[in-house]
Amino acid sequence: MALVTYVEHDGARHEVDVPVGDTVMQGAVNNLVDGIVAECGGGLACATCHCYVDEAWAGKTGTPSTVETEMLEAAAADVKPTSRLSCQITVTAELAGLIVHLPATQF
């Protein structure tokens, strides 16, 4: 397990133990975190699991693939340099303590 903190747009924080091997999206959905819709269930076919990786963690979550970058262009909220689709971030032991910020909207 790795602790992931989800910070909603209004500042509400959710600290969740996410199993190593699951995605940041799965951790949110399995724990009913508001702000991650995950309409396609993690199939990299929508942008409703858009998140902003906290700047302190941005270098540790990898870089988005070309397909992820293209999907982010369809995100409802502003895309920032730390934008990622949470379905594409696999939780590892090294990501224990990860903080992601959620946009105001996914639609």
N, C-alpha and C. Protein backbone atom coordinates (compact mmCIF):
# COMPACT_ATOMS: atom_id res chain seq x y z
N MET A 1 0.84 -1.19 0.00
CA MET A 1 0.00 0.00 0.00
C MET A 1 0.89 1.24 0.00
N ALA A 2 0.36 2.27 -0.62
CA ALA A 2 1.03 3.57 -0.64
C ALA A 2 -0.02 4.63 -0.36
N LEU A 3 0.30 5.54 0.51
CA LEU A 3 -0.62 6.62 0.85
C LEU A 3 -0.62 7.64 -0.29
N VAL A 4 -1.82 7.93 -0.81
CA VAL A 4 -1.99 8.95 -1.84
C VAL A 4 -2.97 9.97 -1.28
N THR A 5 -2.63 11.24 -1.41
CA THR A 5 -3.52 12.31 -0.96
C THR A 5 -4.15 12.97 -2.18
N TYR A 6 -5.47 12.96 -2.20
CA TYR A 6 -6.25 13.61 -3.25
C TYR A 6 -6.76 14.92 -2.68
N VAL A 7 -6.47 16.03 -3.33
CA VAL A 7 -6.92 17.34 -2.87
C VAL A 7 -7.97 17.85 -3.85
N GLU A 8 -9.20 17.95 -3.37
CA GLU A 8 -10.28 18.45 -4.21
C GLU A 8 -10.07 19.93 -4.50
N HIS A 9 -10.78 20.41 -5.51
CA HIS A 9 -10.67 21.81 -5.94
C HIS A 9 -10.95 22.78 -4.78
N ASP A 10 -11.85 22.39 -3.88
CA ASP A 10 -12.21 23.26 -2.75
C ASP A 10 -11.26 23.12 -1.57
N GLY A 11 -10.23 22.28 -1.71
CA GLY A 11 -9.24 22.11 -0.66
C GLY A 11 -9.46 20.89 0.22
N ALA A 12 -10.61 20.23 0.10
CA ALA A 12 -10.86 19.01 0.89
C ALA A 12 -9.82 17.96 0.53
N ARG A 13 -9.27 17.32 1.55
CA ARG A 13 -8.22 16.33 1.35
C ARG A 13 -8.70 14.94 1.72
N HIS A 14 -8.27 13.96 0.92
CA HIS A 14 -8.59 12.57 1.17
C HIS A 14 -7.28 11.79 1.14
N GLU A 15 -6.90 11.22 2.26
CA GLU A 15 -5.71 10.38 2.32
C GLU A 15 -6.16 8.93 2.19
N VAL A 16 -5.64 8.25 1.17
CA VAL A 16 -6.10 6.91 0.83
C VAL A 16 -4.92 5.97 0.70
N ASP A 17 -5.02 4.80 1.32
CA ASP A 17 -4.03 3.75 1.09
C ASP A 17 -4.42 3.04 -0.19
N VAL A 18 -3.56 3.14 -1.20
CA VAL A 18 -3.82 2.54 -2.50
C VAL A 18 -2.88 1.36 -2.68
N PRO A 19 -3.39 0.20 -3.06
CA PRO A 19 -2.52 -0.95 -3.27
C PRO A 19 -1.49 -0.68 -4.37
N VAL A 20 -0.26 -1.09 -4.11
CA VAL A 20 0.78 -1.01 -5.13
C VAL A 20 0.32 -1.82 -6.33
N GLY A 21 0.46 -1.25 -7.52
CA GLY A 21 0.00 -1.89 -8.74
C GLY A 21 -1.31 -1.33 -9.25
N ASP A 22 -2.12 -0.74 -8.37
CA ASP A 22 -3.33 -0.06 -8.81
C ASP A 22 -2.95 1.30 -9.37
N THR A 23 -3.88 1.93 -10.05
CA THR A 23 -3.63 3.28 -10.54
C THR A 23 -4.17 4.30 -9.55
N VAL A 24 -3.71 5.52 -9.70
CA VAL A 24 -4.21 6.62 -8.88
C VAL A 24 -5.72 6.76 -9.09
N MET A 25 -6.19 6.53 -10.32
CA MET A 25 -7.62 6.57 -10.60
C MET A 25 -8.37 5.50 -9.82
N GLN A 26 -7.87 4.27 -9.82
CA GLN A 26 -8.54 3.18 -9.09
C GLN A 26 -8.62 3.51 -7.61
N GLY A 27 -7.57 4.09 -7.06
CA GLY A 27 -7.59 4.47 -5.65
C GLY A 27 -8.70 5.45 -5.35
N ALA A 28 -8.89 6.42 -6.24
CA ALA A 28 -9.95 7.40 -6.04
C ALA A 28 -11.33 6.77 -6.17
N VAL A 29 -11.53 6.01 -7.24
CA VAL A 29 -12.84 5.39 -7.48
C VAL A 29 -13.19 4.41 -6.37
N ASN A 30 -12.26 3.58 -5.97
CA ASN A 30 -12.52 2.58 -4.93
C ASN A 30 -12.80 3.19 -3.57
N ASN A 31 -12.41 4.44 -3.38
CA ASN A 31 -12.60 5.11 -2.09
C ASN A 31 -13.55 6.29 -2.19
N LEU A 32 -14.30 6.35 -3.28
CA LEU A 32 -15.36 7.35 -3.47
C LEU A 32 -14.87 8.79 -3.33
N VAL A 33 -13.70 9.06 -3.88
CA VAL A 33 -13.15 10.42 -3.86
C VAL A 33 -13.86 11.23 -4.94
N ASP A 34 -14.51 12.32 -4.53
CA ASP A 34 -15.16 13.20 -5.50
C ASP A 34 -14.09 13.88 -6.34
N GLY A 35 -14.39 14.04 -7.62
CA GLY A 35 -13.48 14.76 -8.50
C GLY A 35 -12.81 13.89 -9.54
N ILE A 36 -12.86 12.58 -9.37
CA ILE A 36 -12.37 11.64 -10.38
C ILE A 36 -13.60 10.87 -10.86
N VAL A 37 -13.99 11.10 -12.11
CA VAL A 37 -15.19 10.46 -12.65
C VAL A 37 -14.85 9.09 -13.25
N ALA A 38 -13.77 9.03 -14.02
CA ALA A 38 -13.30 7.77 -14.62
C ALA A 38 -14.36 7.14 -15.51
N GLU A 39 -14.92 7.95 -16.38
CA GLU A 39 -16.01 7.50 -17.24
C GLU A 39 -15.66 6.27 -18.07
N CYS A 40 -14.41 6.17 -18.57
CA CYS A 40 -14.04 5.02 -19.42
C CYS A 40 -13.43 3.88 -18.61
N GLY A 41 -13.37 4.04 -17.29
CA GLY A 41 -12.86 2.97 -16.44
C GLY A 41 -11.37 2.74 -16.53
N GLY A 42 -10.65 3.70 -17.05
CA GLY A 42 -9.20 3.57 -17.13
C GLY A 42 -8.70 3.09 -18.47
N GLY A 43 -9.54 3.17 -19.49
CA GLY A 43 -9.18 2.68 -20.82
C GLY A 43 -8.45 3.69 -21.69
N LEU A 44 -8.08 4.82 -21.13
CA LEU A 44 -7.39 5.88 -21.88
C LEU A 44 -8.24 6.34 -23.07
N ALA A 45 -9.54 6.46 -22.80
CA ALA A 45 -10.46 6.84 -23.86
C ALA A 45 -11.26 8.11 -23.52
N CYS A 46 -10.93 8.75 -22.41
CA CYS A 46 -11.59 10.00 -22.03
C CYS A 46 -10.59 10.79 -21.19
N ALA A 47 -11.02 11.89 -20.67
CA ALA A 47 -10.13 12.69 -19.82
C ALA A 47 -10.81 13.02 -18.50
N THR A 48 -11.70 12.13 -18.03
CA THR A 48 -12.47 12.41 -16.82
C THR A 48 -11.78 11.92 -15.54
N CYS A 49 -10.51 11.61 -15.65
CA CYS A 49 -9.71 11.31 -14.45
C CYS A 49 -8.51 12.24 -14.40
N HIS A 50 -8.65 13.38 -15.05
CA HIS A 50 -7.60 14.40 -15.10
C HIS A 50 -7.24 14.84 -13.68
N CYS A 51 -5.95 14.97 -13.44
CA CYS A 51 -5.48 15.48 -12.16
C CYS A 51 -4.22 16.30 -12.40
N TYR A 52 -3.85 17.05 -11.38
CA TYR A 52 -2.59 17.80 -11.40
C TYR A 52 -1.69 17.17 -10.35
N VAL A 53 -0.59 16.62 -10.78
CA VAL A 53 0.36 16.04 -9.85
C VAL A 53 1.04 17.19 -9.11
N ASP A 54 1.11 17.09 -7.80
CA ASP A 54 1.78 18.11 -7.01
C ASP A 54 3.20 18.29 -7.55
N GLU A 55 3.64 19.53 -7.65
CA GLU A 55 4.94 19.82 -8.25
C GLU A 55 6.09 19.04 -7.60
N ALA A 56 6.01 18.79 -6.31
CA ALA A 56 7.07 18.04 -5.64
C ALA A 56 7.15 16.60 -6.12
N TRP A 57 6.09 16.10 -6.74
CA TRP A 57 6.02 14.71 -7.19
C TRP A 57 6.07 14.56 -8.70
N ALA A 58 5.99 15.65 -9.42
CA ALA A 58 5.86 15.60 -10.88
C ALA A 58 6.97 14.78 -11.55
N GLY A 59 8.17 14.88 -11.11
CA GLY A 59 9.26 14.14 -11.72
C GLY A 59 9.28 12.66 -11.39
N LYS A 60 8.46 12.26 -10.43
CA LYS A 60 8.47 10.86 -9.98
C LYS A 60 7.35 10.03 -10.59
N THR A 61 6.41 10.66 -11.27
CA THR A 61 5.27 9.93 -11.82
C THR A 61 5.45 9.58 -13.30
N GLY A 62 6.58 9.94 -13.86
CA GLY A 62 6.83 9.64 -15.27
C GLY A 62 6.27 10.72 -16.17
N THR A 63 6.44 10.52 -17.45
CA THR A 63 5.94 11.48 -18.42
C THR A 63 4.76 10.86 -19.17
N PRO A 64 3.82 11.69 -19.56
CA PRO A 64 2.66 11.16 -20.29
C PRO A 64 3.06 10.64 -21.67
N SER A 65 2.40 9.58 -22.08
CA SER A 65 2.60 9.05 -23.43
C SER A 65 1.96 10.01 -24.43
N THR A 66 2.22 9.79 -25.69
CA THR A 66 1.61 10.60 -26.74
C THR A 66 0.09 10.50 -26.70
N VAL A 67 -0.42 9.30 -26.50
CA VAL A 67 -1.88 9.12 -26.43
C VAL A 67 -2.46 9.86 -25.23
N GLU A 68 -1.79 9.78 -24.08
CA GLU A 68 -2.27 10.50 -22.90
C GLU A 68 -2.27 12.01 -23.16
N THR A 69 -1.22 12.52 -23.76
CA THR A 69 -1.14 13.95 -24.07
C THR A 69 -2.28 14.37 -24.99
N GLU A 70 -2.58 13.54 -25.97
CA GLU A 70 -3.69 13.84 -26.87
C GLU A 70 -5.03 13.82 -26.13
N MET A 71 -5.21 12.87 -25.22
CA MET A 71 -6.44 12.81 -24.43
C MET A 71 -6.57 14.04 -23.53
N LEU A 72 -5.46 14.49 -22.98
CA LEU A 72 -5.50 15.67 -22.11
C LEU A 72 -6.01 16.91 -22.85
N GLU A 73 -5.82 16.93 -24.16
CA GLU A 73 -6.32 18.07 -24.94
C GLU A 73 -7.84 18.17 -24.86
N ALA A 74 -8.51 17.07 -24.51
CA ALA A 74 -9.96 17.05 -24.38
C ALA A 74 -10.43 17.29 -22.95
N ALA A 75 -9.52 17.55 -22.05
CA ALA A 75 -9.89 17.77 -20.64
C ALA A 75 -10.76 19.01 -20.51
N ALA A 76 -11.73 18.95 -19.62
CA ALA A 76 -12.65 20.06 -19.40
C ALA A 76 -11.97 21.22 -18.68
N ALA A 77 -11.05 20.91 -17.78
CA ALA A 77 -10.35 21.94 -17.01
C ALA A 77 -9.04 22.29 -17.70
N ASP A 78 -8.47 23.40 -17.29
CA ASP A 78 -7.19 23.83 -17.86
C ASP A 78 -6.14 22.75 -17.72
N VAL A 79 -5.37 22.56 -18.77
CA VAL A 79 -4.25 21.62 -18.73
C VAL A 79 -3.01 22.42 -18.32
N LYS A 80 -2.31 21.89 -17.33
CA LYS A 80 -1.12 22.53 -16.80
C LYS A 80 0.09 21.63 -17.04
N PRO A 81 1.29 22.12 -16.80
CA PRO A 81 2.47 21.28 -17.01
C PRO A 81 2.47 19.99 -16.18
N THR A 82 1.77 19.98 -15.06
CA THR A 82 1.74 18.78 -14.21
C THR A 82 0.47 17.96 -14.42
N SER A 83 -0.31 18.27 -15.45
CA SER A 83 -1.54 17.52 -15.75
C SER A 83 -1.20 16.09 -16.14
N ARG A 84 -1.99 15.17 -15.61
CA ARG A 84 -1.89 13.76 -15.98
C ARG A 84 -3.29 13.17 -15.93
N LEU A 85 -3.45 12.05 -16.61
CA LEU A 85 -4.65 11.24 -16.43
C LEU A 85 -4.32 10.25 -15.34
N SER A 86 -5.11 10.25 -14.28
CA SER A 86 -4.78 9.42 -13.12
C SER A 86 -4.83 7.93 -13.42
N CYS A 87 -5.49 7.55 -14.51
CA CYS A 87 -5.52 6.14 -14.91
C CYS A 87 -4.17 5.69 -15.46
N GLN A 88 -3.30 6.63 -15.74
CA GLN A 88 -2.01 6.30 -16.33
C GLN A 88 -0.86 6.38 -15.32
N ILE A 89 -1.19 6.62 -14.07
CA ILE A 89 -0.16 6.65 -13.02
C ILE A 89 -0.35 5.41 -12.16
N THR A 90 0.57 4.48 -12.30
CA THR A 90 0.52 3.25 -11.50
C THR A 90 1.22 3.51 -10.18
N VAL A 91 0.56 3.15 -9.11
CA VAL A 91 1.10 3.36 -7.77
C VAL A 91 2.21 2.35 -7.50
N THR A 92 3.33 2.87 -7.05
CA THR A 92 4.48 2.06 -6.64
C THR A 92 4.84 2.43 -5.22
N ALA A 93 5.67 1.64 -4.59
CA ALA A 93 6.13 1.96 -3.23
C ALA A 93 6.83 3.31 -3.21
N GLU A 94 7.51 3.65 -4.31
CA GLU A 94 8.22 4.93 -4.39
C GLU A 94 7.28 6.12 -4.42
N LEU A 95 6.02 5.88 -4.74
CA LEU A 95 5.05 6.97 -4.79
C LEU A 95 4.29 7.14 -3.48
N ALA A 96 4.69 6.44 -2.43
CA ALA A 96 4.06 6.62 -1.11
C ALA A 96 4.19 8.08 -0.71
N GLY A 97 3.06 8.70 -0.43
CA GLY A 97 3.03 10.11 -0.06
C GLY A 97 2.62 11.02 -1.21
N LEU A 98 2.37 10.44 -2.39
CA LEU A 98 1.98 11.21 -3.57
C LEU A 98 0.79 12.11 -3.27
N ILE A 99 0.84 13.31 -3.82
CA ILE A 99 -0.27 14.27 -3.69
C ILE A 99 -0.72 14.65 -5.09
N VAL A 100 -2.03 14.51 -5.34
CA VAL A 100 -2.60 14.97 -6.60
C VAL A 100 -3.74 15.93 -6.30
N HIS A 101 -3.83 16.95 -7.12
CA HIS A 101 -4.87 17.97 -7.00
C HIS A 101 -5.90 17.72 -8.09
N LEU A 102 -7.16 17.88 -7.76
CA LEU A 102 -8.24 17.59 -8.70
C LEU A 102 -8.81 18.89 -9.25
N PRO A 103 -9.13 18.90 -10.54
CA PRO A 103 -9.68 20.11 -11.14
C PRO A 103 -11.11 20.38 -10.68
N ALA A 104 -11.58 21.57 -10.99
CA ALA A 104 -12.94 21.96 -10.58
C ALA A 104 -14.00 21.11 -11.27
N THR A 105 -13.70 20.63 -12.46
CA THR A 105 -14.68 19.85 -13.21
C THR A 105 -13.98 18.84 -14.10
N GLN A 106 -14.68 17.76 -14.41
CA GLN A 106 -14.17 16.76 -15.35
C GLN A 106 -15.00 16.78 -16.64
N PHE A 107 -16.10 17.56 -16.66
CA PHE A 107 -16.96 17.65 -17.83
C PHE A 107 -17.01 19.06 -18.34
